[in-house]
């Protein structure tokens, strides 16, 4: 149901509660994990600032007024919300989240398997394109305009697509190193171009595509078709500017020669430990049993 005025105040209690709980859980989780590990993993001020920036970007995207405008009034607002949820929030969260919390969250076998599968550049491009473009299909945009539940699911899907986009670029997840700088550069260029093809449809379409934004003139002073055309430019330019800028920085900071192992990352014990866990899981699937008992143990020590 559309509200009566585009800028009518909505407290977005559910969104603020989820944001507060998520931020508190990260902070408390880091403190507990640090105490358990003897304070071995710190949280530098620069990372804290990045995490705070990601939290603020999420708050802007998911609360008044942008969330209301994106749901009912303007395709420009919806595109801006998607830009925040794919480009700003995931990148800042990945950069700023405490490493111990990130390792703990990605430790479950299912989560690790999904992230490990998505880390390939070709798969990441395909997954990101399918999720982002799929979320902008007319039926789903119409559904999110009338259902808070669908809107929340779409926000989570787009946010997940953003994490898939940045995973091969930022790394930091144990067992998933960043791509080499040159490969990272090419990957970012492709991500800047391929998923943005939808923007051309917005720019060159001869009629409005989304009935949900038929009253855009009340919110942004543009007729629905003009609102749609401007949103196409916003989508295209934001993807190009952000991703190509990051790609240029990556290439500028690249070393003269790349390492033979395919990454420019130092090898950490957490990476080795995560890879050993994956090997154990693969062996368990092949044998259908748990880890094999140590042959040096006596039978009674093996639980026989």
C-alpha atoms as a PDB file:
ATOM      1  CA  UNK A   1       0.000   0.000   0.000  1.00  0.00           C
ATOM      2  CA  UNK A   2       1.418   3.375  -1.017  1.00  0.00           C
ATOM      3  CA  UNK A   3       1.645   6.096   1.650  1.00  0.00           C
ATOM      4  CA  UNK A   4      -0.148   9.364   1.056  1.00  0.00           C
ATOM      5  CA  UNK A   5       2.949  11.576   0.874  1.00  0.00           C
ATOM      6  CA  UNK A   6       6.422  10.685  -0.424  1.00  0.00           C
ATOM      7  CA  UNK A   7       8.195  12.199   2.594  1.00  0.00           C
ATOM      8  CA  UNK A   8       5.759  11.092   5.292  1.00  0.00           C
ATOM      9  CA  UNK A   9       7.736  10.127   8.397  1.00  0.00           C
ATOM     10  CA  UNK A  10       8.167   6.418   9.020  1.00  0.00           C
ATOM     11  CA  UNK A  11      10.259   5.347  12.042  1.00  0.00           C
ATOM     12  CA  UNK A  12      11.284   2.005  10.448  1.00  0.00           C
ATOM     13  CA  UNK A  13      11.447   0.386  13.863  1.00  0.00           C
ATOM     14  CA  UNK A  14      12.234  -3.081  12.470  1.00  0.00           C
ATOM     15  CA  UNK A  15      15.147  -1.808  10.371  1.00  0.00           C
ATOM     16  CA  UNK A  16      16.663   0.197  13.228  1.00  0.00           C
ATOM     17  CA  UNK A  17      16.312  -2.758  15.619  1.00  0.00           C
ATOM     18  CA  UNK A  18      18.045  -5.112  13.182  1.00  0.00           C
ATOM     19  CA  UNK A  19      20.825  -2.611  12.522  1.00  0.00           C
ATOM     20  CA  UNK A  20      21.355  -2.027  16.233  1.00  0.00           C
ATOM     21  CA  UNK A  21      21.363  -5.754  17.009  1.00  0.00           C
ATOM     22  CA  UNK A  22      23.786  -6.498  14.165  1.00  0.00           C
ATOM     23  CA  UNK A  23      26.209  -3.780  15.229  1.00  0.00           C
ATOM     24  CA  UNK A  24      26.012  -4.780  18.893  1.00  0.00           C
ATOM     25  CA  UNK A  25      26.513  -8.452  18.030  1.00  0.00           C
ATOM     26  CA  UNK A  26      29.694  -7.669  16.096  1.00  0.00           C
ATOM     27  CA  UNK A  27      31.157  -5.563  18.908  1.00  0.00           C
ATOM     28  CA  UNK A  28      30.251  -8.013  21.684  1.00  0.00           C
ATOM     29  CA  UNK A  29      31.330 -10.977  19.571  1.00  0.00           C
ATOM     30  CA  UNK A  30      34.731  -9.416  18.968  1.00  0.00           C
ATOM     31  CA  UNK A  31      35.258  -8.768  22.685  1.00  0.00           C
ATOM     32  CA  UNK A  32      34.340 -12.324  23.635  1.00  0.00           C
ATOM     33  CA  UNK A  33      36.462 -13.887  20.917  1.00  0.00           C
ATOM     34  CA  UNK A  34      39.406 -11.665  21.882  1.00  0.00           C
ATOM     35  CA  UNK A  35      39.144 -12.725  25.509  1.00  0.00           C
ATOM     36  CA  UNK A  36      38.886 -16.377  24.519  1.00  0.00           C
ATOM     37  CA  UNK A  37      41.943 -16.089  22.276  1.00  0.00           C
ATOM     38  CA  UNK A  38      43.924 -14.047  24.780  1.00  0.00           C
ATOM     39  CA  UNK A  39      43.515 -10.750  22.928  1.00  0.00           C
ATOM     40  CA  UNK A  40      45.420 -11.983  19.907  1.00  0.00           C
ATOM     41  CA  UNK A  41      43.187 -10.296  17.316  1.00  0.00           C
ATOM     42  CA  UNK A  42      42.867  -6.528  17.466  1.00  0.00           C
ATOM     43  CA  UNK A  43      40.461  -4.110  15.833  1.00  0.00           C
ATOM     44  CA  UNK A  44      42.477  -1.141  14.500  1.00  0.00           C
ATOM     45  CA  UNK A  45      40.848   2.317  14.390  1.00  0.00           C
ATOM     46  CA  UNK A  46      40.865   2.376  10.579  1.00  0.00           C
ATOM     47  CA  UNK A  47      38.869  -0.845  10.471  1.00  0.00           C
ATOM     48  CA  UNK A  48      36.459   0.465  13.092  1.00  0.00           C
ATOM     49  CA  UNK A  49      35.888   3.561  10.980  1.00  0.00           C
ATOM     50  CA  UNK A  50      35.222   1.447   7.879  1.00  0.00           C
ATOM     51  CA  UNK A  51      32.773  -0.739   9.785  1.00  0.00           C
ATOM     52  CA  UNK A  52      30.987   2.336  11.152  1.00  0.00           C
ATOM     53  CA  UNK A  53      30.793   3.720   7.617  1.00  0.00           C
ATOM     54  CA  UNK A  54      29.205   0.511   6.368  1.00  0.00           C
ATOM     55  CA  UNK A  55      26.701   0.598   9.224  1.00  0.00           C
ATOM     56  CA  UNK A  56      25.764   4.203   8.435  1.00  0.00           C
ATOM     57  CA  UNK A  57      25.394   3.404   4.718  1.00  0.00           C
ATOM     58  CA  UNK A  58      23.075   0.528   5.604  1.00  0.00           C
ATOM     59  CA  UNK A  59      21.035   2.818   7.845  1.00  0.00           C
ATOM     60  CA  UNK A  60      20.657   5.364   5.035  1.00  0.00           C
ATOM     61  CA  UNK A  61      19.601   2.654   2.564  1.00  0.00           C
ATOM     62  CA  UNK A  62      17.091   0.890   4.814  1.00  0.00           C
ATOM     63  CA  UNK A  63      15.355   3.727   6.678  1.00  0.00           C
ATOM     64  CA  UNK A  64      13.466   6.966   6.054  1.00  0.00           C
ATOM     65  CA  UNK A  65      13.379   8.629   3.611  1.00  0.00           C
ATOM     66  CA  UNK A  66      15.322   6.624   1.029  1.00  0.00           C
ATOM     67  CA  UNK A  67      13.704   3.266   1.816  1.00  0.00           C
ATOM     68  CA  UNK A  68      10.198   4.746   1.447  1.00  0.00           C
ATOM     69  CA  UNK A  69      11.026   6.538  -1.780  1.00  0.00           C
ATOM     70  CA  UNK A  70      12.620   3.361  -3.166  1.00  0.00           C
ATOM     71  CA  UNK A  71       9.594   1.271  -2.269  1.00  0.00           C
ATOM     72  CA  UNK A  72       6.790   3.429  -3.617  1.00  0.00           C
ATOM     73  CA  UNK A  73       7.814   6.614  -5.350  1.00  0.00           C
ATOM     74  CA  UNK A  74      10.953   6.776  -7.487  1.00  0.00           C
ATOM     75  CA  UNK A  75      13.132   4.432  -9.504  1.00  0.00           C
ATOM     76  CA  UNK A  76      16.028   6.837  -8.917  1.00  0.00           C
ATOM     77  CA  UNK A  77      15.664   6.216  -5.193  1.00  0.00           C
ATOM     78  CA  UNK A  78      15.520   2.454  -5.713  1.00  0.00           C
ATOM     79  CA  UNK A  79      18.698   2.559  -7.818  1.00  0.00           C
ATOM     80  CA  UNK A  80      20.466   4.677  -5.181  1.00  0.00           C
ATOM     81  CA  UNK A  81      19.420   2.194  -2.514  1.00  0.00           C
ATOM     82  CA  UNK A  82      20.772  -0.679  -4.609  1.00  0.00           C
ATOM     83  CA  UNK A  83      24.036   1.209  -5.126  1.00  0.00           C
ATOM     84  CA  UNK A  84      24.481   1.603  -1.377  1.00  0.00           C
ATOM     85  CA  UNK A  85      23.617  -2.039  -0.690  1.00  0.00           C
ATOM     86  CA  UNK A  86      25.954  -3.426  -3.354  1.00  0.00           C
ATOM     87  CA  UNK A  87      28.864  -1.005  -3.547  1.00  0.00           C
ATOM     88  CA  UNK A  88      29.135   0.758  -0.179  1.00  0.00           C
ATOM     89  CA  UNK A  89      27.811  -1.478   2.591  1.00  0.00           C
ATOM     90  CA  UNK A  90      29.483  -4.830   1.730  1.00  0.00           C
ATOM     91  CA  UNK A  91      32.870  -3.326   0.869  1.00  0.00           C
ATOM     92  CA  UNK A  92      33.065  -1.284   4.075  1.00  0.00           C
ATOM     93  CA  UNK A  93      31.831  -4.190   6.207  1.00  0.00           C
ATOM     94  CA  UNK A  94      34.367  -6.593   4.686  1.00  0.00           C
ATOM     95  CA  UNK A  95      37.177  -4.098   5.215  1.00  0.00           C
ATOM     96  CA  UNK A  96      36.100  -3.083   8.706  1.00  0.00           C
ATOM     97  CA  UNK A  97      34.750  -6.198  10.396  1.00  0.00           C
ATOM     98  CA  UNK A  98      37.026  -7.642  13.108  1.00  0.00           C
ATOM     99  CA  UNK A  99      38.989 -10.538  11.658  1.00  0.00           C
ATOM    100  CA  UNK A 100      38.076 -12.924  14.469  1.00  0.00           C
ATOM    101  CA  UNK A 101      34.349 -12.270  13.973  1.00  0.00           C
ATOM    102  CA  UNK A 102      34.705 -12.648  10.209  1.00  0.00           C
ATOM    103  CA  UNK A 103      36.483 -15.978  10.672  1.00  0.00           C
ATOM    104  CA  UNK A 104      33.822 -17.179  13.109  1.00  0.00           C
ATOM    105  CA  UNK A 105      30.903 -16.168  10.865  1.00  0.00           C
ATOM    106  CA  UNK A 106      32.389 -17.889   7.801  1.00  0.00           C
ATOM    107  CA  UNK A 107      33.479 -21.037   9.653  1.00  0.00           C
ATOM    108  CA  UNK A 108      30.263 -23.134   9.256  1.00  0.00           C
ATOM    109  CA  UNK A 109      30.651 -25.688   6.480  1.00  0.00           C
ATOM    110  CA  UNK A 110      27.708 -24.438   4.410  1.00  0.00           C
ATOM    111  CA  UNK A 111      28.775 -20.787   4.569  1.00  0.00           C
ATOM    112  CA  UNK A 112      32.375 -21.665   3.752  1.00  0.00           C
ATOM    113  CA  UNK A 113      31.297 -23.857   0.823  1.00  0.00           C
ATOM    114  CA  UNK A 114      29.116 -21.119  -0.673  1.00  0.00           C
ATOM    115  CA  UNK A 115      31.814 -18.451  -0.316  1.00  0.00           C
ATOM    116  CA  UNK A 116      34.489 -20.763  -1.687  1.00  0.00           C
ATOM    117  CA  UNK A 117      32.296 -21.530  -4.705  1.00  0.00           C
ATOM    118  CA  UNK A 118      31.574 -17.824  -5.350  1.00  0.00           C
ATOM    119  CA  UNK A 119      35.179 -16.652  -5.138  1.00  0.00           C
ATOM    120  CA  UNK A 120      35.975 -17.396  -8.793  1.00  0.00           C
ATOM    121  CA  UNK A 121      35.742 -14.215 -10.898  1.00  0.00           C
ATOM    122  CA  UNK A 122      33.496 -15.715 -13.584  1.00  0.00           C
ATOM    123  CA  UNK A 123      31.106 -17.176 -11.022  1.00  0.00           C
ATOM    124  CA  UNK A 124      31.118 -13.922  -9.066  1.00  0.00           C
ATOM    125  CA  UNK A 125      30.172 -11.923 -12.179  1.00  0.00           C
ATOM    126  CA  UNK A 126      27.364 -14.347 -13.042  1.00  0.00           C
ATOM    127  CA  UNK A 127      25.966 -14.507  -9.509  1.00  0.00           C
ATOM    128  CA  UNK A 128      26.113 -10.751  -9.001  1.00  0.00           C
ATOM    129  CA  UNK A 129      24.476 -10.044 -12.358  1.00  0.00           C
ATOM    130  CA  UNK A 130      21.691 -12.584 -11.866  1.00  0.00           C
ATOM    131  CA  UNK A 131      20.873 -11.418  -8.339  1.00  0.00           C
ATOM    132  CA  UNK A 132      20.962  -7.686  -9.023  1.00  0.00           C
ATOM    133  CA  UNK A 133      19.202  -7.767 -12.391  1.00  0.00           C
ATOM    134  CA  UNK A 134      16.715 -10.332 -11.086  1.00  0.00           C
ATOM    135  CA  UNK A 135      15.828  -8.102  -8.154  1.00  0.00           C
ATOM    136  CA  UNK A 136      14.909  -5.333 -10.626  1.00  0.00           C
ATOM    137  CA  UNK A 137      12.424  -7.339 -12.688  1.00  0.00           C
ATOM    138  CA  UNK A 138       8.989  -5.754 -12.877  1.00  0.00           C
ATOM    139  CA  UNK A 139       7.125  -8.437 -10.838  1.00  0.00           C
ATOM    140  CA  UNK A 140       9.612  -8.277  -7.965  1.00  0.00           C
ATOM    141  CA  UNK A 141       9.710  -4.477  -7.899  1.00  0.00           C
ATOM    142  CA  UNK A 142       5.908  -4.430  -7.824  1.00  0.00           C
ATOM    143  CA  UNK A 143       5.871  -7.068  -5.076  1.00  0.00           C
ATOM    144  CA  UNK A 144       8.352  -5.194  -2.883  1.00  0.00           C
ATOM    145  CA  UNK A 145       6.248  -2.046  -3.258  1.00  0.00           C
ATOM    146  CA  UNK A 146       3.275  -3.746  -1.616  1.00  0.00           C
ATOM    147  CA  UNK A 147       4.890  -6.212   0.790  1.00  0.00           C
ATOM    148  CA  UNK A 148       7.283  -5.406   3.619  1.00  0.00           C
ATOM    149  CA  UNK A 149       8.383  -9.058   3.737  1.00  0.00           C
ATOM    150  CA  UNK A 150       9.278  -9.160   0.035  1.00  0.00           C
ATOM    151  CA  UNK A 151      11.073  -5.841   0.420  1.00  0.00           C
ATOM    152  CA  UNK A 152      13.181  -7.207   3.262  1.00  0.00           C
ATOM    153  CA  UNK A 153      14.036 -10.363   1.310  1.00  0.00           C
ATOM    154  CA  UNK A 154      15.051  -8.313  -1.729  1.00  0.00           C
ATOM    155  CA  UNK A 155      17.274  -6.099   0.414  1.00  0.00           C
ATOM    156  CA  UNK A 156      19.038  -9.164   1.807  1.00  0.00           C
ATOM    157  CA  UNK A 157      19.453 -10.658  -1.679  1.00  0.00           C
ATOM    158  CA  UNK A 158      20.970  -7.449  -3.031  1.00  0.00           C
ATOM    159  CA  UNK A 159      23.247  -7.161   0.008  1.00  0.00           C
ATOM    160  CA  UNK A 160      24.407 -10.748  -0.523  1.00  0.00           C
ATOM    161  CA  UNK A 161      25.117  -9.922  -4.171  1.00  0.00           C
ATOM    162  CA  UNK A 162      27.303  -7.057  -2.996  1.00  0.00           C
ATOM    163  CA  UNK A 163      29.353  -9.372  -0.792  1.00  0.00           C
ATOM    164  CA  UNK A 164      29.812 -11.711  -3.775  1.00  0.00           C
ATOM    165  CA  UNK A 165      30.997  -8.737  -5.838  1.00  0.00           C
ATOM    166  CA  UNK A 166      33.652  -7.637  -3.330  1.00  0.00           C
ATOM    167  CA  UNK A 167      34.812 -11.020  -2.047  1.00  0.00           C
ATOM    168  CA  UNK A 168      37.496 -11.607  -4.749  1.00  0.00           C
ATOM    169  CA  UNK A 169      38.632  -7.979  -4.448  1.00  0.00           C
ATOM    170  CA  UNK A 170      38.912  -7.426  -0.702  1.00  0.00           C
ATOM    171  CA  UNK A 171      39.505 -10.955   0.525  1.00  0.00           C
ATOM    172  CA  UNK A 172      40.013 -11.116   4.331  1.00  0.00           C
ATOM    173  CA  UNK A 173      37.860 -14.254   4.571  1.00  0.00           C
ATOM    174  CA  UNK A 174      40.084 -17.140   5.765  1.00  0.00           C
ATOM    175  CA  UNK A 175      40.916 -19.520   2.936  1.00  0.00           C
ATOM    176  CA  UNK A 176      39.762 -17.087   0.224  1.00  0.00           C
ATOM    177  CA  UNK A 177      42.714 -14.949  -0.890  1.00  0.00           C
ATOM    178  CA  UNK A 178      42.342 -11.951  -3.137  1.00  0.00           C
ATOM    179  CA  UNK A 179      42.955 -12.227  -6.863  1.00  0.00           C
ATOM    180  CA  UNK A 180      46.222 -11.027  -8.311  1.00  0.00           C
ATOM    181  CA  UNK A 181      46.170  -7.268  -8.997  1.00  0.00           C
ATOM    182  CA  UNK A 182      45.976  -7.586 -12.786  1.00  0.00           C
ATOM    183  CA  UNK A 183      43.190 -10.169 -12.547  1.00  0.00           C
ATOM    184  CA  UNK A 184      41.435  -8.011  -9.968  1.00  0.00           C
ATOM    185  CA  UNK A 185      41.617  -5.060 -12.335  1.00  0.00           C
ATOM    186  CA  UNK A 186      40.060  -7.039 -15.185  1.00  0.00           C
ATOM    187  CA  UNK A 187      37.406  -8.472 -12.873  1.00  0.00           C
ATOM    188  CA  UNK A 188      36.353  -5.000 -11.677  1.00  0.00           C
ATOM    189  CA  UNK A 189      36.174  -3.707 -15.245  1.00  0.00           C
ATOM    190  CA  UNK A 190      33.870  -6.584 -16.192  1.00  0.00           C
ATOM    191  CA  UNK A 191      31.715  -6.062 -13.112  1.00  0.00           C
ATOM    192  CA  UNK A 192      31.428  -2.378 -13.980  1.00  0.00           C
ATOM    193  CA  UNK A 193      30.167  -3.140 -17.482  1.00  0.00           C
ATOM    194  CA  UNK A 194      28.192  -6.396 -17.536  1.00  0.00           C
ATOM    195  CA  UNK A 195      25.589  -5.953 -14.752  1.00  0.00           C
ATOM    196  CA  UNK A 196      24.927  -2.342 -15.802  1.00  0.00           C
ATOM    197  CA  UNK A 197      23.354  -3.340 -19.125  1.00  0.00           C
ATOM    198  CA  UNK A 198      19.960  -2.864 -17.456  1.00  0.00           C
ATOM    199  CA  UNK A 199      20.682   0.870 -17.318  1.00  0.00           C
ATOM    200  CA  UNK A 200      20.488   1.056 -21.122  1.00  0.00           C
ATOM    201  CA  UNK A 201      16.979  -0.382 -20.957  1.00  0.00           C
ATOM    202  CA  UNK A 202      15.983   2.366 -18.543  1.00  0.00           C
ATOM    203  CA  UNK A 203      17.542   5.073 -20.685  1.00  0.00           C
ATOM    204  CA  UNK A 204      16.146   4.022 -24.069  1.00  0.00           C
ATOM    205  CA  UNK A 205      12.752   2.606 -23.078  1.00  0.00           C
ATOM    206  CA  UNK A 206       9.879   4.572 -24.588  1.00  0.00           C
ATOM    207  CA  UNK A 207       7.474   4.005 -21.716  1.00  0.00           C
ATOM    208  CA  UNK A 208       7.713   3.565 -17.942  1.00  0.00           C
ATOM    209  CA  UNK A 209       8.379  -0.018 -16.901  1.00  0.00           C
ATOM    210  CA  UNK A 210       7.275   0.089 -13.259  1.00  0.00           C
ATOM    211  CA  UNK A 211       3.685   1.003 -12.333  1.00  0.00           C
ATOM    212  CA  UNK A 212       4.791   1.309  -8.685  1.00  0.00           C
ATOM    213  CA  UNK A 213       6.567   4.570  -9.552  1.00  0.00           C
ATOM    214  CA  UNK A 214       3.714   6.192 -11.470  1.00  0.00           C
ATOM    215  CA  UNK A 215       3.648   9.095  -8.960  1.00  0.00           C
ATOM    216  CA  UNK A 216       7.342   9.927  -9.154  1.00  0.00           C
ATOM    217  CA  UNK A 217       6.573  13.571  -9.954  1.00  0.00           C
ATOM    218  CA  UNK A 218       5.345  14.047  -6.390  1.00  0.00           C
ATOM    219  CA  UNK A 219       8.660  12.820  -4.940  1.00  0.00           C
ATOM    220  CA  UNK A 220      11.399  13.983  -7.306  1.00  0.00           C
ATOM    221  CA  UNK A 221       9.586  16.348  -9.679  1.00  0.00           C
ATOM    222  CA  UNK A 222      10.036  14.062 -12.688  1.00  0.00           C
ATOM    223  CA  UNK A 223       7.505  12.200 -14.767  1.00  0.00           C
ATOM    224  CA  UNK A 224       7.809   8.395 -14.546  1.00  0.00           C
ATOM    225  CA  UNK A 225       9.612   8.092 -17.872  1.00  0.00           C
ATOM    226  CA  UNK A 226      12.118  10.834 -16.980  1.00  0.00           C
ATOM    227  CA  UNK A 227      12.598   9.319 -13.532  1.00  0.00           C
ATOM    228  CA  UNK A 228      13.369   6.018 -15.231  1.00  0.00           C
ATOM    229  CA  UNK A 229      15.821   7.582 -17.683  1.00  0.00           C
ATOM    230  CA  UNK A 230      17.712   9.443 -14.961  1.00  0.00           C
ATOM    231  CA  UNK A 231      17.882   6.251 -12.891  1.00  0.00           C
ATOM    232  CA  UNK A 232      19.593   4.556 -15.827  1.00  0.00           C
ATOM    233  CA  UNK A 233      22.315   7.196 -15.860  1.00  0.00           C
ATOM    234  CA  UNK A 234      22.675   6.986 -12.073  1.00  0.00           C
ATOM    235  CA  UNK A 235      23.039   3.197 -12.223  1.00  0.00           C
ATOM    236  CA  UNK A 236      25.543   3.219 -15.067  1.00  0.00           C
ATOM    237  CA  UNK A 237      27.693   6.084 -13.800  1.00  0.00           C
ATOM    238  CA  UNK A 238      27.816   4.867 -10.207  1.00  0.00           C
ATOM    239  CA  UNK A 239      28.978   1.393 -11.226  1.00  0.00           C
ATOM    240  CA  UNK A 240      31.557   2.787 -13.640  1.00  0.00           C
ATOM    241  CA  UNK A 241      32.919   5.476 -11.325  1.00  0.00           C
ATOM    242  CA  UNK A 242      33.187   3.326  -8.199  1.00  0.00           C
ATOM    243  CA  UNK A 243      34.450   0.078  -9.711  1.00  0.00           C
ATOM    244  CA  UNK A 244      36.794   1.628 -12.269  1.00  0.00           C
ATOM    245  CA  UNK A 245      38.248   3.910  -9.594  1.00  0.00           C
ATOM    246  CA  UNK A 246      38.928   0.933  -7.355  1.00  0.00           C
ATOM    247  CA  UNK A 247      40.357  -0.961 -10.346  1.00  0.00           C
ATOM    248  CA  UNK A 248      42.727   1.919 -11.105  1.00  0.00           C
ATOM    249  CA  UNK A 249      43.883   2.044  -7.473  1.00  0.00           C
ATOM    250  CA  UNK A 250      44.445  -1.721  -7.474  1.00  0.00           C
ATOM    251  CA  UNK A 251      46.552  -1.532 -10.626  1.00  0.00           C
ATOM    252  CA  UNK A 252      48.526   1.456  -9.372  1.00  0.00           C
ATOM    253  CA  UNK A 253      49.390  -0.307  -6.118  1.00  0.00           C
ATOM    254  CA  UNK A 254      50.232  -3.592  -7.821  1.00  0.00           C
ATOM    255  CA  UNK A 255      53.785  -4.846  -7.351  1.00  0.00           C
ATOM    256  CA  UNK A 256      56.083  -5.047 -10.348  1.00  0.00           C
ATOM    257  CA  UNK A 257      55.848  -8.846 -10.362  1.00  0.00           C
ATOM    258  CA  UNK A 258      53.041 -11.085  -9.162  1.00  0.00           C
ATOM    259  CA  UNK A 259      53.557 -14.074  -6.975  1.00  0.00           C
ATOM    260  CA  UNK A 260      53.496 -17.483  -8.581  1.00  0.00           C
ATOM    261  CA  UNK A 261      50.739 -18.718  -6.272  1.00  0.00           C
ATOM    262  CA  UNK A 262      48.174 -16.479  -7.932  1.00  0.00           C
ATOM    263  CA  UNK A 263      47.704 -13.979  -5.105  1.00  0.00           C
ATOM    264  CA  UNK A 264      49.445 -11.010  -3.549  1.00  0.00           C
ATOM    265  CA  UNK A 265      48.379 -11.959  -0.024  1.00  0.00           C
ATOM    266  CA  UNK A 266      50.587 -13.222   2.805  1.00  0.00           C
ATOM    267  CA  UNK A 267      49.723 -16.733   3.921  1.00  0.00           C
ATOM    268  CA  UNK A 268      48.125 -16.758   7.369  1.00  0.00           C
ATOM    269  CA  UNK A 269      47.595 -19.683   9.698  1.00  0.00           C
ATOM    270  CA  UNK A 270      43.830 -19.079   9.506  1.00  0.00           C
ATOM    271  CA  UNK A 271      44.014 -19.704   5.740  1.00  0.00           C
ATOM    272  CA  UNK A 272      45.912 -22.963   6.242  1.00  0.00           C
ATOM    273  CA  UNK A 273      43.529 -24.073   8.974  1.00  0.00           C
ATOM    274  CA  UNK A 274      40.465 -23.337   6.832  1.00  0.00           C
ATOM    275  CA  UNK A 275      41.919 -25.278   3.902  1.00  0.00           C
ATOM    276  CA  UNK A 276      42.696 -28.258   6.153  1.00  0.00           C
ATOM    277  CA  UNK A 277      39.103 -28.209   7.355  1.00  0.00           C
ATOM    278  CA  UNK A 278      37.895 -28.307   3.757  1.00  0.00           C
ATOM    279  CA  UNK A 279      40.109 -31.314   3.077  1.00  0.00           C
ATOM    280  CA  UNK A 280      38.674 -33.091   6.129  1.00  0.00           C
ATOM    281  CA  UNK A 281      35.128 -32.370   4.956  1.00  0.00           C
ATOM    282  CA  UNK A 282      35.867 -33.706   1.484  1.00  0.00           C
ATOM    283  CA  UNK A 283      37.394 -36.865   2.971  1.00  0.00           C
ATOM    284  CA  UNK A 284      34.357 -37.356   5.188  1.00  0.00           C
ATOM    285  CA  UNK A 285      32.028 -37.072   2.198  1.00  0.00           C
ATOM    286  CA  UNK A 286      34.092 -39.610   0.245  1.00  0.00           C
ATOM    287  CA  UNK A 287      34.359 -42.149   3.063  1.00  0.00           C
ATOM    288  CA  UNK A 288      30.969 -41.469   4.592  1.00  0.00           C
ATOM    289  CA  UNK A 289      32.560 -41.549   8.040  1.00  0.00           C
ATOM    290  CA  UNK A 290      34.139 -39.152  10.444  1.00  0.00           C
ATOM    291  CA  UNK A 291      37.886 -38.624  10.709  1.00  0.00           C
ATOM    292  CA  UNK A 292      39.848 -41.845  10.782  1.00  0.00           C
ATOM    293  CA  UNK A 293      41.174 -42.877  14.224  1.00  0.00           C
ATOM    294  CA  UNK A 294      44.850 -42.538  14.988  1.00  0.00           C
ATOM    295  CA  UNK A 295      46.442 -45.968  14.372  1.00  0.00           C
ATOM    296  CA  UNK A 296      48.918 -45.345  17.196  1.00  0.00           C
ATOM    297  CA  UNK A 297      46.127 -45.257  19.782  1.00  0.00           C
ATOM    298  CA  UNK A 298      45.126 -48.329  21.735  1.00  0.00           C
ATOM    299  CA  UNK A 299      41.673 -49.757  20.918  1.00  0.00           C
ATOM    300  CA  UNK A 300      40.222 -48.621  24.222  1.00  0.00           C
ATOM    301  CA  UNK A 301      41.471 -45.065  23.517  1.00  0.00           C
ATOM    302  CA  UNK A 302      39.732 -45.091  20.156  1.00  0.00           C
ATOM    303  CA  UNK A 303      36.393 -45.748  21.776  1.00  0.00           C
ATOM    304  CA  UNK A 304      36.301 -49.283  20.416  1.00  0.00           C
END
